[in-house]
Amino acid sequence: QLRLVESGGGLVKPGGSLRLSCAASGITFDYYAIGWFRQVPGKEREGVSCIRISDGTTNYADSVKGRFTISRDNAKDTVYLQMDSLKPEDTAVYFCASDPQLTIQPRCVLSSSFYDGWGQGAQVTVSS
């Protein structure tokens, strides 16, 4: 059974860093893409970044390019989101999700409709 567990959220000052982890189980990790999404109350869920596990290709939202880095550890079935130069507008609940890649795409996509498994979420708060 698919299970995704996020960890690493917390409170950080503007300009600081956090690293989120997403540990997957119950899936053949190499077949999937893993995405990070975030949501603020009253707003739609936003795609932040994703990585295709098989070849490591990545995709980033414009709002986080140059500040966030996604990576994976195939031996641990874990995906990381390194978040640097954090801003107050990065405050949100961050979710990781799994895309079984049922359609061929040039790279992983940041649309939640492609993802069928979701973690419970991790709160990230950026505030002074």
Protein backbone atom coordinates (compact mmCIF):
# COMPACT_ATOMS: atom_id res chain seq x y z
CA GLN A 1 0.00 0.00 0.00
CA LEU A 2 1.32 3.39 -1.03
CA ARG A 3 2.45 5.58 1.83
CA LEU A 4 4.21 8.95 1.74
CA VAL A 5 5.49 10.56 4.93
CA GLU A 6 6.80 14.13 5.03
CA SER A 7 9.15 15.46 7.68
CA GLY A 8 11.34 18.48 8.27
CA GLY A 9 8.84 21.32 8.45
CA GLY A 10 9.06 24.06 11.05
CA LEU A 11 9.50 27.74 11.79
CA VAL A 12 12.33 29.67 10.18
CA LYS A 13 13.24 33.33 9.79
CA PRO A 14 13.21 35.03 6.40
CA GLY A 15 16.38 34.18 4.51
CA GLY A 16 16.74 30.90 6.36
CA SER A 17 16.70 27.31 5.13
CA LEU A 18 14.76 24.13 5.72
CA ARG A 19 14.93 20.67 4.20
CA LEU A 20 11.80 18.61 3.73
CA SER A 21 11.92 14.84 3.32
CA CYS A 22 9.36 12.55 1.72
CA ALA A 23 9.79 8.87 2.49
CA ALA A 24 7.89 6.52 0.19
CA SER A 25 6.83 2.95 0.78
CA GLY A 26 4.56 0.46 -0.94
CA ILE A 27 5.54 1.52 -4.47
CA THR A 28 8.24 0.68 -7.00
CA PHE A 29 10.06 3.94 -6.47
CA ASP A 30 11.83 4.03 -9.84
CA TYR A 31 8.54 4.02 -11.77
CA TYR A 32 7.30 7.23 -10.23
CA ALA A 33 7.73 10.95 -10.21
CA ILE A 34 7.49 12.64 -6.82
CA GLY A 35 6.19 16.17 -6.52
CA TRP A 36 6.04 18.78 -3.81
CA PHE A 37 2.97 20.96 -3.54
CA ARG A 38 1.99 23.64 -1.06
CA GLN A 39 -1.27 25.08 0.09
CA VAL A 40 -2.35 28.11 2.04
CA PRO A 41 -5.87 28.21 3.55
CA GLY A 42 -8.33 29.63 1.06
CA LYS A 43 -6.03 29.13 -1.93
CA GLU A 44 -5.54 26.37 -4.47
CA ARG A 45 -2.78 23.84 -4.03
CA GLU A 46 0.33 25.01 -5.89
CA GLY A 47 2.93 22.80 -7.55
CA VAL A 48 6.40 23.65 -6.27
CA SER A 49 8.80 21.09 -7.70
CA CYS A 50 8.96 17.52 -8.92
CA ILE A 51 11.54 14.91 -9.84
CA ARG A 52 11.35 11.84 -12.04
CA ILE A 53 12.96 9.09 -10.02
CA SER A 54 14.27 7.03 -12.93
CA ASP A 55 16.49 9.71 -14.45
CA GLY A 56 16.46 12.57 -11.95
CA THR A 57 14.96 15.17 -14.29
CA THR A 58 13.34 17.99 -12.39
CA ASN A 59 10.84 20.78 -12.74
CA TYR A 60 10.35 23.92 -10.64
CA ALA A 61 7.71 26.59 -10.28
CA ASP A 62 8.99 30.03 -11.26
CA SER A 63 8.38 31.26 -7.73
CA VAL A 64 11.02 28.92 -6.27
CA LYS A 65 13.59 28.60 -9.07
CA GLY A 66 17.08 29.32 -7.81
CA ARG A 67 16.01 28.94 -4.17
CA PHE A 68 14.66 25.39 -3.88
CA THR A 69 16.42 22.19 -4.90
CA ILE A 70 14.76 18.80 -5.22
CA SER A 71 16.76 15.58 -5.04
CA ARG A 72 16.25 11.89 -4.43
CA ASP A 73 17.99 9.02 -2.68
CA ASN A 74 16.97 5.84 -4.48
CA ALA A 75 18.52 3.62 -1.82
CA LYS A 76 16.20 5.16 0.80
CA ASP A 77 13.13 5.71 -1.43
CA THR A 78 13.21 9.31 -0.27
CA VAL A 79 12.89 12.67 -1.98
CA TYR A 80 14.19 15.88 -0.47
CA LEU A 81 13.27 19.52 -0.98
CA GLN A 82 16.04 21.87 0.09
CA MET A 83 14.55 25.31 0.60
CA ASP A 84 16.95 28.25 0.85
CA SER A 85 16.44 32.01 0.97
CA LEU A 86 12.98 31.43 2.37
CA LYS A 87 10.42 34.22 2.20
CA PRO A 88 7.25 34.82 4.24
CA GLU A 89 5.22 34.00 1.13
CA ASP A 90 6.67 30.47 1.23
CA THR A 91 4.62 29.83 4.36
CA ALA A 92 2.25 26.95 3.65
CA VAL A 93 1.53 23.31 4.30
CA TYR A 94 3.81 21.31 2.02
CA PHE A 95 2.67 17.97 0.64
CA CYS A 96 4.58 15.38 -1.29
CA ALA A 97 2.75 13.30 -3.86
CA SER A 98 3.38 10.39 -6.22
CA ASP A 99 2.78 10.37 -9.97
CA PRO A 100 2.71 6.87 -11.49
CA GLN A 101 3.55 8.40 -14.87
CA LEU A 102 0.76 6.73 -16.79
CA THR A 103 1.36 9.13 -19.68
CA ILE A 104 4.68 9.95 -21.30
CA GLN A 105 5.81 13.49 -20.54
CA PRO A 106 9.13 15.17 -21.40
CA ARG A 107 9.54 15.82 -17.68
CA CYS A 108 7.49 15.58 -14.51
CA VAL A 109 4.55 17.95 -14.30
CA LEU A 110 3.38 20.28 -11.55
CA SER A 111 -0.33 19.65 -11.97
CA SER A 112 -1.95 17.86 -9.03
CA SER A 113 -4.24 15.95 -11.40
CA PHE A 114 -1.32 13.69 -12.34
CA TYR A 115 -0.71 12.61 -8.73
CA ASP A 116 -2.61 9.81 -7.06
CA GLY A 117 -0.95 9.46 -3.67
CA TRP A 118 -0.45 12.17 -1.06
CA GLY A 119 1.32 12.59 2.22
CA GLN A 120 -0.21 14.15 5.32
CA GLY A 121 1.56 17.49 4.91
CA ALA A 122 4.23 19.42 6.79
CA GLN A 123 3.82 23.00 8.01
CA VAL A 124 6.47 25.49 6.94
CA THR A 125 6.29 28.92 8.53
CA VAL A 126 8.62 31.74 7.52
CA SER A 127 8.38 34.60 9.96
CA SER A 128 10.60 36.94 11.92
